[in-house]
Amino acid sequence: MTYIGELGSGNYVKMVHNGIEYGDMQLIAEAYEVLRTIGGLSNEELAAVFAGWNAGELDSFLIEITARIFTVKDTEGGEGFLVDKILDKTGMKGTGRWTVQEAAERSIAAPTMAAALDTRCLSGLKEERAAASKVLVGPTDLPRVDKAQLIDDVRQALYAAKICSYAQGMNLIREAGKQLGWRIDLGECARIWKGGCIIRAKFLDRIKRAYDRNADLASLLVDPEFAEEINARQPSWRRVVALCAACGIAAPSLSSSLSYLDQYRRPRLPANLTQAQRDFFGAHTFERVDKAGAFHCEWARESTAPEAVLAASGSAGAAAAAGAGAAK
C-alpha cells in the first residue's frame, strides 16, 4: 500500500497501469506470432521458451501465465491445444482506450499502447479480415532462420520494447500530475505495481531504482542503466522488426516502440516540413532555428509552381519523370 497523491490520482495511475497492460499483452502476442509463424515453434517449444524467459529478466505474471497457457490441452473439441481453438477476437472494457485518449489529450506520445488498442479493434473485424485475405496478398515464402538466434532476438526485442512502453506510461502520469496539481512519486507507482497487479514484474524493481536515482528523470530511456540496455539490444530489435516486415507479419507494438525510440533519440525530425505545410494552408506560423519569435511566410506568392520547377530542372529526377510520362 502507498499514498498515491491528491484526489483522483489513484484512479488515474490505475488507468495508466491498464494501458501499459494492453501494450505488454500485445508485445507478448507479437513475440508469440514471430516464434510460431517464422520460427515454426510448437506449443511445447513455446511453453519452454516462455518458461525460460520467466526465469530471467522477463520474469513477470504475464510471461508466467503465457508459458502455462501453451501447455493446456483442449478437452472440449478433440485433440490439440486449447490456445489454438480460441477465436482471434480480443475483447476490451475501455481502460486501455481511456489511457490512449488521455495521452492524446495531454500531448504525450504513447504509440505502444495505441498500437495495442488498434490491434484489438482490428481483431474484432473477423469477417472483414477473412474476406480481405482472399483479395489482399503478402509474402508467401518465409525465410529459413536460425531458431536459437530468433528466440534470442525476440527476447531482447521484447525487453527493449517494454522499456519504451513503460516510459510512455510514466510520462503520462508525470504530465497529468503537472497539469492537475498531483504530487505523484513515479518510483512508488512502480513499487506498488509489483505488489499484485497484472503487470507485476521483476522489471519494475529497476524502474523504481531509476526514479530513486533521479526523481526528475525526463524519460526511462535516458536513465543510464536503461539507456545501456536499449543500446545493447537494438541490433536484435531491428532484426525482428525488419524480419516481420519482410515476412508480412504484423508487429505493430514492437515496431511502434522502435519508431518511438528512433524519433526520441534524434535531435532533428522532419517536423519542419509539416510545420511549413501548416503555415502554407492555414497561416499557423512557425519558429526558426536561427531567430526567436513566430514567423509566417506568404508561401503561395514566394514559391514557384511545381510544373515550372520541373521544366527548369535539368536533374536526373526531371529526366526520369519526363521519361515516365513518355512511356505512358
Foldseek 3Di string as FASTA:
>chain_A
DDDFWDPPLVVVLVLLVVLLVLLLVLLVVLLVCCCCPQVVDALLRQLVLLVVLLVDQFVALVSNVSSVQSVAFDPPPDGDGPVVVDQQADDDDCSSVVNVVLCVVLVFDQQSSVLSVVSNVVSNPVVVVVVVPVPDDDDDDRDHDDSVLLSVLSSLLSVLLSQLNVQSSLLSSVSCCVVVVIDGQSLVSLVVCLVDHRGNGPNSVVVNVQCVVPVVDPTSCPRVVNVVSNVVSVVSLVVSVVSCRNRVHDSRSSVSSVVVVVVVPDPDDPVVVVVLVCCAVPVPFDADPPDDDTDGDPDVVPDDDPVVVLVPDPDPVSVVVVVVVVVD
